[in-house]
Amino acid sequence: MTSAARPRRRGTTLALLAVPLAFLAVFFVWPVATIVGTGLAPEGDLELGAIGRVLTDPSVRSVAWFTLWQATASTVLTLLIGIPGAYALSRLEFRGRALLQAGVTVPFVLPTVVVGSAFLALLGPRSPVNTALTVLLGDAAPTLDLRRTVTAILIAHVFFNYAVVVRTVGGLWSLIDPRVEEAARVLGASRWQAFREVSLPLLAPAIASSAAIVFLFTFTSFGVVLILGGPGRATLEVEIHRATTQLLDLPLASALAVLQLIAVVAALLVYGRLQRRAPTQSLVGSAATRRPPRGRGERLFLRGNLAVVAILLASPLLVLIERSLDTGDGYGLANWRALLTDERATILAVPAGEAVRNSLLFGASATLIALVVGGLAATAATSEAGRLARVVDRGLMVPLGTSAVTIGFGFLIALNRPPVDLRGSPLLVPIAQALIATPFVVRTLLPVLRSIDHRLREAAAVLGATPRRVWREVDLPIVGRAALVAAGFSFAIAVGEFGATVFVARANLPTMPVAIFRLLGRPGVANFGQAMAMSTLLMAVTATAILAIDRLRIGQVGRF
């Protein structure tokens, strides 16, 4: 690159970063700093006693250690189970693949309170496993009860985050030219050697990205630990919620939030050192990389992964469907009829159809925001003007590891006066959802953008193309498919987001997860059945939307 072109390239990078920087500063740094400052300096003077209390309290240290090691174990297990699934869904062609690829994302968006109740039924003494053991062994059959155990927490975390690995790693895997690995096989490498020496280095950026996302989600796990872990186990997120809503101890909650943020930033620094620039590779269209399974080994491999999906992912979802049809006196559609009534006097305050409409509108708005902010950040992060771009890239990941309670309260406190007065605005909902969805856009687009041969861009520039045209003619056709995957992920996350949305959603504009939470908060079999019906409806909406996005093509976007 010439000396004259370098400043122009740096100026373009800074222009790309303007929107992500402003978004991060206004809708994350400011609210979190406001809520933490309010807790640690209630009278205007900084009081560090709460931080000292947190650092010296043995119970807090125990919570911090449990938070760290369960997140690490959950991440490793999810990678071990998800990477084979990513290969099966991205490289093998079989009947129902597209439907299954959309279906694996559904667990990721379900509210944890709903999934927790489903896992309690699956892992308790009356689970289908115990029923099968009783049928096989009679009264001598052992009773498996995994409720209130770490095992239940780890299984639920894999259930939630399986889609992150499958779609992030699979999104890149589906673009890698299979002839690269086939060449290694021709030269005598075994299947494992070809994967380890050829495919794994090419997939390393996507694997690191998905591992970072899974770790941050499990590090801040709240609902899963609260429901499945019982009172004896708590993460930092659970303690922040307890200090805020039960103890009304804002200084303690702020100190815990600071500790959580420090841990998240440290994890992101480690991730940044592990992240490597993807080697230049030959990218092809996703349709060209898929083929039917060859040989008995690949067929058994595919069946094994389908069995994992059926046991790990489908079983809890089938329990939700079964409970939506259980009326207490048998099975029927009474819960569905009660849910879909148009009476406004229900606990939802609005008809269920309006909650569905709200979720779709907010989800579409949040997806658009996340694609713009994340797309600009990912494009800037691939440029040569790197340090600031890398800072923004890492900064956009921090919200994933920040307490939803902190973000929600921060929105209400910080965004209630000029120049940004949004406390009563419905715009807070898609903004909060986009804050969580944007890192997924960056993590999905970045490995693909970094894998593009830079000589293609240089050739276009030599022929007179402007940077904008280079992006439109070179990058966009290649990255289009990954952008659609990112859009599907963003929409699914936005539709199912609960933690921050419950704080900022207006009473007359509930989303589907908020409606489910309201129904579960009311006693009675009928309300519980309607909550399960709404959860089933949320599953159907999510699967349909993701399947449609997976099939979507816009001109030549996604084809090359």
Protein backbone atom coordinates (compact mmCIF):
# COMPACT_ATOMS: atom_id res chain seq x y z
CA MET A 1 0.00 0.00 0.00
CA THR A 2 1.39 3.42 -0.96
CA SER A 3 2.05 6.11 1.65
CA ALA A 4 -0.72 8.23 0.11
CA ALA A 5 -3.26 5.41 0.33
CA ARG A 6 -2.49 4.59 3.96
CA PRO A 7 -4.00 7.77 5.50
CA ARG A 8 -7.05 7.37 3.27
CA ARG A 9 -7.44 3.79 4.49
CA ARG A 10 -7.10 4.93 8.11
CA GLY A 11 -9.70 7.64 7.56
CA THR A 12 -12.12 5.09 6.12
CA THR A 13 -11.62 2.85 9.15
CA LEU A 14 -12.29 5.70 11.56
CA ALA A 15 -15.44 6.61 9.64
CA LEU A 16 -16.64 3.00 9.86
CA LEU A 17 -16.02 2.96 13.62
CA ALA A 18 -17.98 6.16 14.32
CA VAL A 19 -21.38 4.46 14.58
CA PRO A 20 -20.23 1.43 16.68
CA LEU A 21 -18.32 3.75 19.03
CA ALA A 22 -21.32 6.02 19.51
CA PHE A 23 -23.67 3.08 20.02
CA LEU A 24 -21.40 1.47 22.59
CA ALA A 25 -20.77 4.73 24.45
CA VAL A 26 -24.39 5.90 24.67
CA PHE A 27 -26.19 2.60 25.22
CA PHE A 28 -23.66 0.63 27.26
CA VAL A 29 -20.84 2.63 28.83
CA TRP A 30 -23.06 5.49 29.99
CA PRO A 31 -25.88 3.38 31.55
CA VAL A 32 -23.49 0.94 33.25
CA ALA A 33 -21.24 3.75 34.53
CA THR A 34 -24.32 5.57 35.83
CA ILE A 35 -25.72 2.61 37.77
CA VAL A 36 -22.30 1.63 39.17
CA GLY A 37 -21.54 5.24 40.09
CA THR A 38 -24.92 5.56 41.80
CA GLY A 39 -24.16 2.49 43.88
CA LEU A 40 -20.57 3.30 44.79
CA ALA A 41 -21.06 7.06 45.21
CA PRO A 42 -24.62 7.51 46.51
CA GLU A 43 -23.87 10.93 48.02
CA GLY A 44 -21.47 12.05 45.30
CA ASP A 45 -18.32 10.84 47.07
CA LEU A 46 -16.80 7.51 46.06
CA GLU A 47 -17.18 4.86 48.77
CA LEU A 48 -14.98 1.80 48.27
CA GLY A 49 -16.20 -0.04 51.34
CA ALA A 50 -18.54 -2.22 49.26
CA ILE A 51 -15.68 -3.33 47.02
CA GLY A 52 -13.54 -4.18 50.05
CA ARG A 53 -16.46 -6.11 51.51
CA VAL A 54 -16.80 -8.11 48.28
CA LEU A 55 -13.09 -8.90 47.98
CA THR A 56 -12.76 -10.07 51.60
CA ASP A 57 -16.01 -12.04 51.88
CA PRO A 58 -15.33 -15.82 51.63
CA SER A 59 -18.84 -16.48 50.35
CA VAL A 60 -18.34 -14.04 47.47
CA ARG A 61 -15.02 -15.67 46.59
CA SER A 62 -16.80 -19.03 46.55
CA VAL A 63 -19.47 -17.63 44.22
CA ALA A 64 -16.79 -16.15 41.94
CA TRP A 65 -14.93 -19.48 41.76
CA PHE A 66 -18.11 -21.41 40.99
CA THR A 67 -19.01 -18.86 38.30
CA LEU A 68 -15.61 -19.26 36.64
CA TRP A 69 -15.26 -23.02 36.66
CA GLN A 70 -18.84 -23.85 35.63
CA ALA A 71 -18.50 -21.41 32.70
CA THR A 72 -15.23 -23.04 31.64
CA ALA A 73 -16.67 -26.56 31.91
CA SER A 74 -19.82 -25.53 30.02
CA THR A 75 -17.75 -23.97 27.22
CA VAL A 76 -15.56 -27.06 26.79
CA LEU A 77 -18.55 -29.42 26.77
CA THR A 78 -20.42 -27.26 24.27
CA LEU A 79 -17.44 -27.19 21.91
CA LEU A 80 -16.92 -30.95 22.15
CA ILE A 81 -20.56 -31.62 21.29
CA GLY A 82 -21.14 -28.67 18.95
CA ILE A 83 -18.15 -28.93 16.57
CA PRO A 84 -19.19 -32.38 15.24
CA GLY A 85 -22.71 -31.00 14.85
CA ALA A 86 -21.34 -28.02 12.91
CA TYR A 87 -19.66 -30.38 10.46
CA ALA A 88 -22.75 -32.55 10.05
CA LEU A 89 -25.05 -29.59 9.33
CA SER A 90 -22.64 -27.59 7.17
CA ARG A 91 -20.91 -30.29 5.10
CA LEU A 92 -23.33 -33.23 4.86
CA GLU A 93 -26.49 -33.13 2.75
CA PHE A 94 -29.47 -35.10 4.04
CA ARG A 95 -33.23 -34.88 4.06
CA GLY A 96 -34.52 -32.27 6.50
CA ARG A 97 -31.14 -30.58 6.96
CA ALA A 98 -32.47 -27.02 6.47
CA LEU A 99 -35.33 -27.60 8.91
CA LEU A 100 -32.97 -29.11 11.47
CA GLN A 101 -30.51 -26.22 11.09
CA ALA A 102 -33.29 -23.79 11.88
CA GLY A 103 -34.56 -25.96 14.72
CA VAL A 104 -31.27 -26.12 16.62
CA THR A 105 -31.44 -22.34 17.14
CA VAL A 106 -34.80 -22.48 18.91
CA PRO A 107 -33.41 -23.51 22.35
CA PHE A 108 -31.12 -20.49 22.33
CA VAL A 109 -34.00 -18.01 22.43
CA LEU A 110 -36.29 -19.66 24.96
CA PRO A 111 -36.64 -17.92 28.34
CA THR A 112 -34.62 -19.70 30.99
CA VAL A 113 -37.58 -19.92 33.35
CA VAL A 114 -39.43 -22.04 30.79
CA VAL A 115 -36.49 -24.28 29.94
CA GLY A 116 -35.69 -24.67 33.63
CA SER A 117 -39.14 -26.09 34.32
CA ALA A 118 -38.79 -28.44 31.34
CA PHE A 119 -35.42 -29.71 32.59
CA LEU A 120 -36.80 -30.20 36.09
CA ALA A 121 -39.36 -32.55 34.56
CA LEU A 122 -36.75 -34.32 32.42
CA LEU A 123 -34.13 -34.75 35.15
CA GLY A 124 -36.42 -35.42 38.12
CA PRO A 125 -37.66 -38.70 39.58
CA ARG A 126 -40.63 -38.81 37.15
CA SER A 127 -38.53 -38.25 34.06
CA PRO A 128 -38.91 -40.41 30.93
CA VAL A 129 -35.52 -41.97 31.74
CA ASN A 130 -36.77 -43.25 35.10
CA THR A 131 -40.00 -44.44 33.49
CA ALA A 132 -38.00 -46.43 30.93
CA LEU A 133 -35.76 -47.89 33.67
CA THR A 134 -38.83 -48.96 35.63
CA VAL A 135 -40.27 -50.69 32.59
CA LEU A 136 -37.00 -52.49 31.95
CA LEU A 137 -35.91 -53.35 35.51
CA GLY A 138 -39.11 -53.21 37.52
CA ASP A 139 -39.07 -52.14 41.17
CA ALA A 140 -35.30 -52.76 41.37
CA ALA A 141 -34.64 -49.91 38.92
CA PRO A 142 -32.53 -47.06 40.35
CA THR A 143 -34.05 -43.58 40.45
CA LEU A 144 -32.02 -40.86 38.75
CA ASP A 145 -32.62 -37.41 40.16
CA LEU A 146 -30.30 -34.71 38.78
CA ARG A 147 -32.24 -31.74 40.11
CA ARG A 148 -30.23 -29.18 42.11
CA THR A 149 -26.94 -30.56 40.74
CA VAL A 150 -24.08 -29.11 38.73
CA THR A 151 -24.73 -31.79 36.11
CA ALA A 152 -28.16 -30.31 35.42
CA ILE A 153 -26.61 -26.84 35.03
CA LEU A 154 -23.99 -28.08 32.56
CA ILE A 155 -26.54 -30.02 30.50
CA ALA A 156 -28.82 -26.98 30.31
CA HIS A 157 -25.92 -24.73 29.27
CA VAL A 158 -25.01 -27.10 26.44
CA PHE A 159 -28.70 -27.14 25.45
CA PHE A 160 -28.80 -23.35 25.22
CA ASN A 161 -25.44 -22.77 23.53
CA TYR A 162 -25.22 -25.69 21.10
CA ALA A 163 -26.58 -23.44 18.34
CA VAL A 164 -23.82 -20.85 18.93
CA VAL A 165 -21.11 -23.35 18.00
CA VAL A 166 -23.09 -25.03 15.23
CA ARG A 167 -24.00 -21.82 13.43
CA THR A 168 -20.82 -19.81 14.06
CA VAL A 169 -18.35 -22.60 13.24
CA GLY A 170 -20.64 -24.13 10.64
CA GLY A 171 -21.08 -20.76 8.93
CA LEU A 172 -17.34 -20.64 8.15
CA TRP A 173 -16.99 -24.40 7.59
CA SER A 174 -19.65 -24.26 4.88
CA LEU A 175 -17.47 -21.79 2.91
CA ILE A 176 -14.12 -23.60 3.10
CA ASP A 177 -13.19 -25.37 -0.12
CA PRO A 178 -13.36 -29.13 0.64
CA ARG A 179 -10.63 -29.78 -1.94
CA VAL A 180 -8.07 -28.44 0.53
CA GLU A 181 -8.74 -31.29 2.94
CA GLU A 182 -9.18 -33.79 0.12
CA ALA A 183 -5.68 -32.93 -1.12
CA ALA A 184 -4.28 -33.82 2.29
CA ARG A 185 -6.12 -37.15 2.18
CA VAL A 186 -4.67 -37.90 -1.27
CA LEU A 187 -1.21 -37.26 0.13
CA GLY A 188 -1.77 -39.97 2.75
CA ALA A 189 -3.19 -38.11 5.74
CA SER A 190 -5.86 -39.85 7.78
CA ARG A 191 -9.24 -38.18 8.25
CA TRP A 192 -8.21 -37.03 11.74
CA GLN A 193 -4.83 -35.74 10.53
CA ALA A 194 -6.46 -33.82 7.68
CA PHE A 195 -8.87 -32.21 10.12
CA ARG A 196 -6.18 -31.38 12.68
CA GLU A 197 -3.56 -30.07 10.23
CA VAL A 198 -5.77 -28.44 7.58
CA SER A 199 -9.34 -27.70 8.68
CA LEU A 200 -8.74 -26.88 12.35
CA PRO A 201 -6.31 -23.98 11.72
CA LEU A 202 -8.75 -22.51 9.18
CA LEU A 203 -11.64 -22.88 11.65
CA ALA A 204 -9.69 -21.54 14.64
CA PRO A 205 -11.10 -17.95 14.43
CA ALA A 206 -14.69 -19.22 14.36
CA ILE A 207 -14.04 -21.71 17.17
CA ALA A 208 -12.44 -18.98 19.30
CA SER A 209 -15.37 -16.67 18.56
CA SER A 210 -17.99 -19.23 19.53
CA ALA A 211 -16.01 -20.23 22.65
CA ALA A 212 -15.87 -16.57 23.74
CA ILE A 213 -19.62 -16.16 23.28
CA VAL A 214 -20.47 -19.37 25.13
CA PHE A 215 -18.13 -18.50 27.99
CA LEU A 216 -19.62 -15.04 28.41
CA PHE A 217 -23.17 -16.37 28.36
CA THR A 218 -22.47 -19.10 30.89
CA PHE A 219 -20.33 -16.79 33.04
CA THR A 220 -23.36 -14.53 33.47
CA SER A 221 -25.85 -17.40 33.74
CA PHE A 222 -28.85 -16.47 35.86
CA GLY A 223 -32.08 -18.37 35.22
CA VAL A 224 -30.48 -21.76 34.64
CA VAL A 225 -28.45 -21.61 37.86
CA LEU A 226 -31.32 -20.17 39.88
CA ILE A 227 -33.81 -22.86 38.82
CA LEU A 228 -31.62 -25.94 38.34
CA GLY A 229 -28.84 -25.22 40.81
CA GLY A 230 -31.02 -24.43 43.79
CA PRO A 231 -30.25 -22.12 46.70
CA GLY A 232 -26.88 -23.73 47.38
CA ARG A 233 -25.32 -22.57 44.11
CA ALA A 234 -25.11 -19.05 42.73
CA THR A 235 -23.22 -17.16 40.04
CA LEU A 236 -22.22 -13.51 40.25
CA GLU A 237 -25.30 -12.69 38.17
CA VAL A 238 -27.58 -14.39 40.70
CA GLU A 239 -25.91 -12.48 43.53
CA ILE A 240 -26.30 -9.16 41.70
CA HIS A 241 -30.01 -9.84 41.22
CA ARG A 242 -30.43 -10.83 44.88
CA ALA A 243 -28.56 -7.74 46.12
CA THR A 244 -30.64 -5.47 43.88
CA THR A 245 -34.15 -6.85 44.20
CA GLN A 246 -34.19 -8.61 47.58
CA LEU A 247 -31.58 -6.93 49.79
CA LEU A 248 -31.98 -3.50 48.14
CA ASP A 249 -28.20 -3.16 48.59
CA LEU A 250 -27.18 -1.14 45.52
CA PRO A 251 -23.57 -0.63 46.70
CA LEU A 252 -23.10 -4.42 46.98
CA ALA A 253 -24.73 -4.98 43.58
CA SER A 254 -22.48 -2.32 42.03
CA ALA A 255 -19.35 -3.84 43.56
CA LEU A 256 -20.32 -7.27 42.23
CA ALA A 257 -21.01 -5.75 38.80
CA VAL A 258 -17.52 -4.21 38.81
CA LEU A 259 -16.01 -7.58 39.72
CA GLN A 260 -18.00 -9.22 36.92
CA LEU A 261 -16.87 -6.60 34.40
CA ILE A 262 -13.22 -7.07 35.39
CA ALA A 263 -13.52 -10.82 34.84
CA VAL A 264 -15.23 -10.32 31.48
CA VAL A 265 -12.58 -7.87 30.26
CA ALA A 266 -9.83 -10.30 31.36
CA ALA A 267 -11.53 -13.11 29.43
CA LEU A 268 -11.74 -10.90 26.34
CA LEU A 269 -8.04 -10.03 26.61
CA VAL A 270 -7.21 -13.75 26.68
CA TYR A 271 -9.54 -14.28 23.73
CA GLY A 272 -7.78 -11.48 21.83
CA ARG A 273 -4.41 -13.19 22.29
CA LEU A 274 -5.79 -16.55 21.17
CA GLN A 275 -7.52 -15.05 18.14
CA ARG A 276 -5.38 -15.39 15.03
CA ARG A 277 -5.84 -13.92 11.62
CA ALA A 278 -7.33 -16.65 9.46
CA PRO A 279 -4.96 -18.02 6.84
CA THR A 280 -5.83 -17.04 3.30
CA GLN A 281 -8.06 -19.77 1.99
CA SER A 282 -10.17 -20.64 -0.98
CA LEU A 283 -13.81 -19.84 -0.24
CA VAL A 284 -16.64 -21.38 -2.22
CA GLY A 285 -20.42 -21.23 -2.13
CA SER A 286 -22.02 -23.16 0.70
CA ALA A 287 -24.03 -25.33 -1.71
CA ALA A 288 -20.79 -26.54 -3.31
CA THR A 289 -19.34 -27.79 -0.02
CA ARG A 290 -22.22 -30.07 0.97
CA ARG A 291 -22.48 -33.66 -0.18
CA PRO A 292 -24.32 -36.81 0.90
CA PRO A 293 -22.53 -38.90 3.55
CA ARG A 294 -20.08 -41.38 2.05
CA GLY A 295 -19.41 -44.73 3.58
CA ARG A 296 -20.62 -46.41 6.74
CA GLY A 297 -18.46 -44.25 9.01
CA GLU A 298 -19.97 -40.96 7.85
CA ARG A 299 -23.49 -42.38 8.02
CA LEU A 300 -22.90 -43.49 11.61
CA PHE A 301 -21.38 -40.09 12.38
CA LEU A 302 -24.48 -38.34 11.01
CA ARG A 303 -26.83 -40.63 12.93
CA GLY A 304 -24.89 -40.02 16.12
CA ASN A 305 -25.24 -36.25 15.75
CA LEU A 306 -28.92 -36.57 14.93
CA ALA A 307 -29.30 -38.64 18.10
CA VAL A 308 -27.58 -35.87 20.11
CA VAL A 309 -30.00 -33.31 18.68
CA ALA A 310 -32.97 -35.57 19.45
CA ILE A 311 -31.94 -36.33 23.03
CA LEU A 312 -30.34 -33.05 24.09
CA LEU A 313 -32.42 -30.52 22.17
CA ALA A 314 -35.71 -32.11 21.17
CA SER A 315 -36.61 -33.72 24.51
CA PRO A 316 -37.08 -30.47 26.50
CA LEU A 317 -38.95 -28.90 23.58
CA LEU A 318 -41.31 -31.86 23.36
CA VAL A 319 -41.95 -31.52 27.09
CA LEU A 320 -43.03 -27.90 26.51
CA ILE A 321 -45.45 -28.99 23.79
CA GLU A 322 -46.83 -31.75 25.99
CA ARG A 323 -47.36 -29.34 28.88
CA SER A 324 -49.11 -26.85 26.61
CA LEU A 325 -51.71 -29.53 25.88
CA ASP A 326 -52.06 -30.71 29.49
CA THR A 327 -55.20 -29.19 30.98
CA GLY A 328 -54.97 -30.97 34.34
CA ASP A 329 -57.87 -33.25 33.46
CA GLY A 330 -56.31 -34.70 30.34
CA TYR A 331 -55.08 -33.37 27.04
CA GLY A 332 -56.77 -30.78 24.85
CA LEU A 333 -56.59 -27.30 23.36
CA ALA A 334 -58.09 -25.40 26.30
CA ASN A 335 -54.79 -23.64 27.12
CA TRP A 336 -54.42 -22.51 23.52
CA ARG A 337 -57.99 -21.26 23.29
CA ALA A 338 -57.56 -19.29 26.53
CA LEU A 339 -54.25 -17.84 25.34
CA LEU A 340 -55.51 -16.70 21.96
CA THR A 341 -58.60 -14.97 23.28
CA ASP A 342 -59.01 -11.31 22.38
CA GLU A 343 -60.10 -10.27 25.85
CA ARG A 344 -57.90 -7.47 27.21
CA ALA A 345 -58.72 -8.28 30.81
CA THR A 346 -56.18 -11.08 30.91
CA ILE A 347 -52.95 -10.95 32.89
CA LEU A 348 -51.11 -10.05 29.66
CA ALA A 349 -52.93 -6.69 29.45
CA VAL A 350 -53.04 -7.22 25.68
CA PRO A 351 -54.10 -10.14 23.48
CA ALA A 352 -51.46 -12.80 22.88
CA GLY A 353 -51.45 -11.87 19.20
CA GLU A 354 -50.20 -8.40 20.08
CA ALA A 355 -47.37 -9.88 22.14
CA VAL A 356 -46.36 -11.90 19.05
CA ARG A 357 -46.57 -8.78 16.88
CA ASN A 358 -44.49 -6.79 19.39
CA SER A 359 -41.81 -9.47 19.40
CA LEU A 360 -41.63 -9.54 15.61
CA LEU A 361 -41.47 -5.75 15.24
CA PHE A 362 -38.94 -5.27 18.02
CA GLY A 363 -36.92 -8.25 16.75
CA ALA A 364 -36.80 -6.92 13.18
CA SER A 365 -35.76 -3.46 14.42
CA ALA A 366 -33.06 -4.90 16.69
CA THR A 367 -31.76 -7.08 13.84
CA LEU A 368 -31.40 -4.05 11.57
CA ILE A 369 -29.56 -2.09 14.27
CA ALA A 370 -27.27 -5.03 15.05
CA LEU A 371 -26.45 -5.64 11.38
CA VAL A 372 -25.52 -1.99 10.83
CA VAL A 373 -23.46 -1.60 14.01
CA GLY A 374 -21.88 -5.06 13.88
CA GLY A 375 -21.26 -4.95 10.13
CA LEU A 376 -19.43 -1.64 10.38
CA ALA A 377 -17.36 -2.88 13.34
CA ALA A 378 -16.45 -6.17 11.62
CA THR A 379 -15.47 -4.37 8.41
CA ALA A 380 -13.29 -1.92 10.33
CA ALA A 381 -11.68 -4.75 12.35
CA THR A 382 -10.33 -6.30 9.13
CA SER A 383 -8.53 -3.12 8.09
CA GLU A 384 -4.91 -2.30 8.73
CA ALA A 385 -5.68 0.59 11.11
CA GLY A 386 -6.05 -1.98 13.78
CA ARG A 387 -5.75 -0.95 17.44
CA LEU A 388 -8.88 1.17 17.75
CA ALA A 389 -10.85 -1.33 15.63
CA ARG A 390 -9.76 -4.15 17.94
CA VAL A 391 -10.75 -2.12 21.01
CA VAL A 392 -14.24 -1.56 19.58
CA ASP A 393 -14.44 -5.21 18.55
CA ARG A 394 -13.68 -6.36 22.10
CA GLY A 395 -15.86 -3.63 23.59
CA LEU A 396 -18.91 -4.86 21.69
CA MET A 397 -18.42 -8.25 23.35
CA VAL A 398 -18.52 -6.85 26.89
CA PRO A 399 -22.36 -6.52 27.05
CA LEU A 400 -22.62 -10.31 26.71
CA GLY A 401 -20.79 -10.65 30.01
CA THR A 402 -22.56 -7.83 31.81
CA SER A 403 -25.47 -8.34 34.16
CA ALA A 404 -28.84 -7.83 32.45
CA VAL A 405 -30.02 -6.34 35.75
CA THR A 406 -27.23 -3.76 35.57
CA ILE A 407 -28.01 -2.86 31.95
CA GLY A 408 -31.77 -2.68 32.55
CA PHE A 409 -31.52 -0.46 35.63
CA GLY A 410 -28.82 1.59 33.92
CA PHE A 411 -31.15 2.31 31.00
CA LEU A 412 -33.87 3.53 33.35
CA ILE A 413 -31.53 5.77 35.34
CA ALA A 414 -29.24 7.15 32.60
CA LEU A 415 -31.58 7.52 29.62
CA ASN A 416 -34.24 9.59 31.33
CA ARG A 417 -33.07 13.12 30.61
CA PRO A 418 -31.81 15.18 27.67
CA PRO A 419 -29.97 14.78 25.39
CA VAL A 420 -31.09 11.12 25.42
CA ASP A 421 -34.50 10.89 27.06
CA LEU A 422 -35.86 7.45 26.13
CA ARG A 423 -37.20 6.11 29.44
CA GLY A 424 -40.80 6.00 28.22
CA SER A 425 -39.98 5.19 24.61
CA PRO A 426 -40.56 1.76 23.04
CA LEU A 427 -37.22 2.27 21.23
CA LEU A 428 -35.44 1.10 24.39
CA VAL A 429 -36.56 -2.46 23.72
CA PRO A 430 -34.90 -2.98 20.29
CA ILE A 431 -31.87 -1.01 21.46
CA ALA A 432 -31.44 -3.30 24.48
CA GLN A 433 -31.94 -6.36 22.26
CA ALA A 434 -29.47 -5.07 19.65
CA LEU A 435 -26.88 -4.53 22.38
CA ILE A 436 -26.93 -8.28 23.00
CA ALA A 437 -27.26 -9.28 19.32
CA THR A 438 -24.47 -7.09 17.89
CA PRO A 439 -21.57 -9.27 19.18
CA PHE A 440 -23.05 -12.23 17.31
CA VAL A 441 -23.02 -10.23 14.08
CA VAL A 442 -19.36 -9.31 14.61
CA ARG A 443 -18.31 -12.82 15.59
CA THR A 444 -20.12 -14.33 12.59
CA LEU A 445 -18.86 -11.87 9.96
CA LEU A 446 -15.31 -11.38 11.17
CA PRO A 447 -13.87 -14.86 10.42
CA VAL A 448 -15.29 -14.75 6.88
CA LEU A 449 -14.08 -11.19 6.23
CA ARG A 450 -10.61 -12.08 7.48
CA SER A 451 -10.54 -15.13 5.24
CA ILE A 452 -11.01 -13.11 2.04
CA ASP A 453 -7.83 -13.02 -0.05
CA HIS A 454 -6.59 -9.43 0.24
CA ARG A 455 -5.26 -9.67 -3.31
CA LEU A 456 -8.85 -9.56 -4.57
CA ARG A 457 -9.33 -6.17 -2.94
CA GLU A 458 -5.95 -4.94 -4.19
CA ALA A 459 -6.71 -6.02 -7.74
CA ALA A 460 -10.04 -4.17 -7.67
CA ALA A 461 -8.33 -1.06 -6.27
CA VAL A 462 -5.63 -1.19 -8.96
CA LEU A 463 -8.39 -1.28 -11.58
CA GLY A 464 -9.76 1.96 -10.16
CA ALA A 465 -12.49 0.80 -7.78
CA THR A 466 -13.22 3.04 -4.81
CA PRO A 467 -13.23 1.48 -1.31
CA ARG A 468 -17.03 1.53 -1.35
CA ARG A 469 -17.15 -0.29 -4.68
CA VAL A 470 -14.50 -2.78 -3.54
CA TRP A 471 -16.70 -3.60 -0.56
CA ARG A 472 -19.81 -3.87 -2.73
CA GLU A 473 -18.24 -5.92 -5.53
CA VAL A 474 -15.74 -8.08 -3.61
CA ASP A 475 -16.62 -8.37 0.07
CA LEU A 476 -20.42 -8.31 -0.02
CA PRO A 477 -20.96 -11.26 -2.41
CA ILE A 478 -18.60 -13.40 -0.30
CA VAL A 479 -19.79 -12.32 3.11
CA GLY A 480 -23.49 -12.18 2.16
CA ARG A 481 -24.23 -15.70 3.31
CA ALA A 482 -22.57 -15.07 6.67
CA ALA A 483 -24.59 -11.84 6.95
CA LEU A 484 -27.80 -13.83 6.54
CA VAL A 485 -26.65 -16.24 9.25
CA ALA A 486 -25.90 -13.24 11.46
CA ALA A 487 -29.35 -11.82 10.72
CA GLY A 488 -30.99 -15.08 11.72
CA PHE A 489 -29.02 -15.22 14.94
CA SER A 490 -29.75 -11.57 15.74
CA PHE A 491 -33.47 -11.98 15.15
CA ALA A 492 -33.62 -15.14 17.27
CA ILE A 493 -31.74 -13.45 20.10
CA ALA A 494 -33.91 -10.34 19.95
CA VAL A 495 -37.18 -12.28 19.91
CA GLY A 496 -36.14 -14.36 22.92
CA GLU A 497 -34.25 -11.72 24.95
CA PHE A 498 -35.69 -11.40 28.44
CA GLY A 499 -33.18 -10.14 31.00
CA ALA A 500 -32.95 -6.50 29.90
CA THR A 501 -36.28 -6.36 28.06
CA VAL A 502 -38.30 -7.07 31.21
CA PHE A 503 -36.93 -3.86 32.76
CA VAL A 504 -37.52 -1.52 29.81
CA ALA A 505 -40.63 -2.91 28.07
CA ARG A 506 -43.79 -0.85 28.58
CA ALA A 507 -46.70 -2.64 30.28
CA ASN A 508 -48.89 -2.37 27.20
CA LEU A 509 -46.14 -3.56 24.82
CA PRO A 510 -45.01 -6.91 26.21
CA THR A 511 -42.85 -9.24 24.14
CA MET A 512 -43.45 -12.99 24.11
CA PRO A 513 -40.82 -13.78 26.81
CA VAL A 514 -42.26 -11.04 29.04
CA ALA A 515 -45.75 -12.46 28.49
CA ILE A 516 -44.48 -15.93 29.45
CA PHE A 517 -42.91 -14.49 32.61
CA ARG A 518 -46.17 -12.78 33.57
CA LEU A 519 -48.15 -15.98 33.07
CA LEU A 520 -45.67 -18.06 35.10
CA GLY A 521 -45.89 -15.49 37.90
CA ARG A 522 -49.60 -16.21 38.35
CA PRO A 523 -50.69 -19.30 40.29
CA GLY A 524 -52.95 -21.90 38.75
CA VAL A 525 -52.81 -24.73 36.24
CA ALA A 526 -54.49 -22.62 33.54
CA ASN A 527 -51.88 -19.84 33.67
CA PHE A 528 -49.04 -22.38 33.62
CA GLY A 529 -50.61 -24.14 30.64
CA GLN A 530 -50.96 -20.82 28.79
CA ALA A 531 -47.29 -20.05 29.52
CA MET A 532 -46.33 -23.37 27.96
CA ALA A 533 -48.57 -22.61 24.97
CA MET A 534 -46.90 -19.21 24.53
CA SER A 535 -43.49 -20.92 24.80
CA THR A 536 -44.50 -23.35 22.07
CA LEU A 537 -45.66 -20.42 19.96
CA LEU A 538 -42.31 -18.70 20.53
CA MET A 539 -40.56 -21.87 19.35
CA ALA A 540 -42.66 -21.96 16.17
CA VAL A 541 -42.13 -18.26 15.39
CA THR A 542 -38.37 -18.53 15.88
CA ALA A 543 -37.97 -21.69 13.81
CA THR A 544 -40.08 -20.25 10.98
CA ALA A 545 -38.17 -16.96 10.92
CA ILE A 546 -34.74 -18.61 10.92
CA LEU A 547 -35.77 -21.13 8.24
CA ALA A 548 -37.00 -18.25 6.05
CA ILE A 549 -33.76 -16.30 6.55
CA ASP A 550 -31.68 -19.39 5.79
CA ARG A 551 -33.50 -19.71 2.46
CA LEU A 552 -33.40 -15.99 1.68
CA ARG A 553 -31.35 -14.66 -1.21
CA ILE A 554 -31.11 -11.03 -2.30
CA GLY A 555 -29.87 -10.87 -5.87
CA GLN A 556 -26.37 -12.31 -5.82
CA VAL A 557 -25.85 -11.80 -2.08
CA GLY A 558 -24.76 -15.09 -0.60
CA ARG A 559 -23.75 -16.53 -3.98
CA PHE A 560 -20.31 -16.48 -5.50
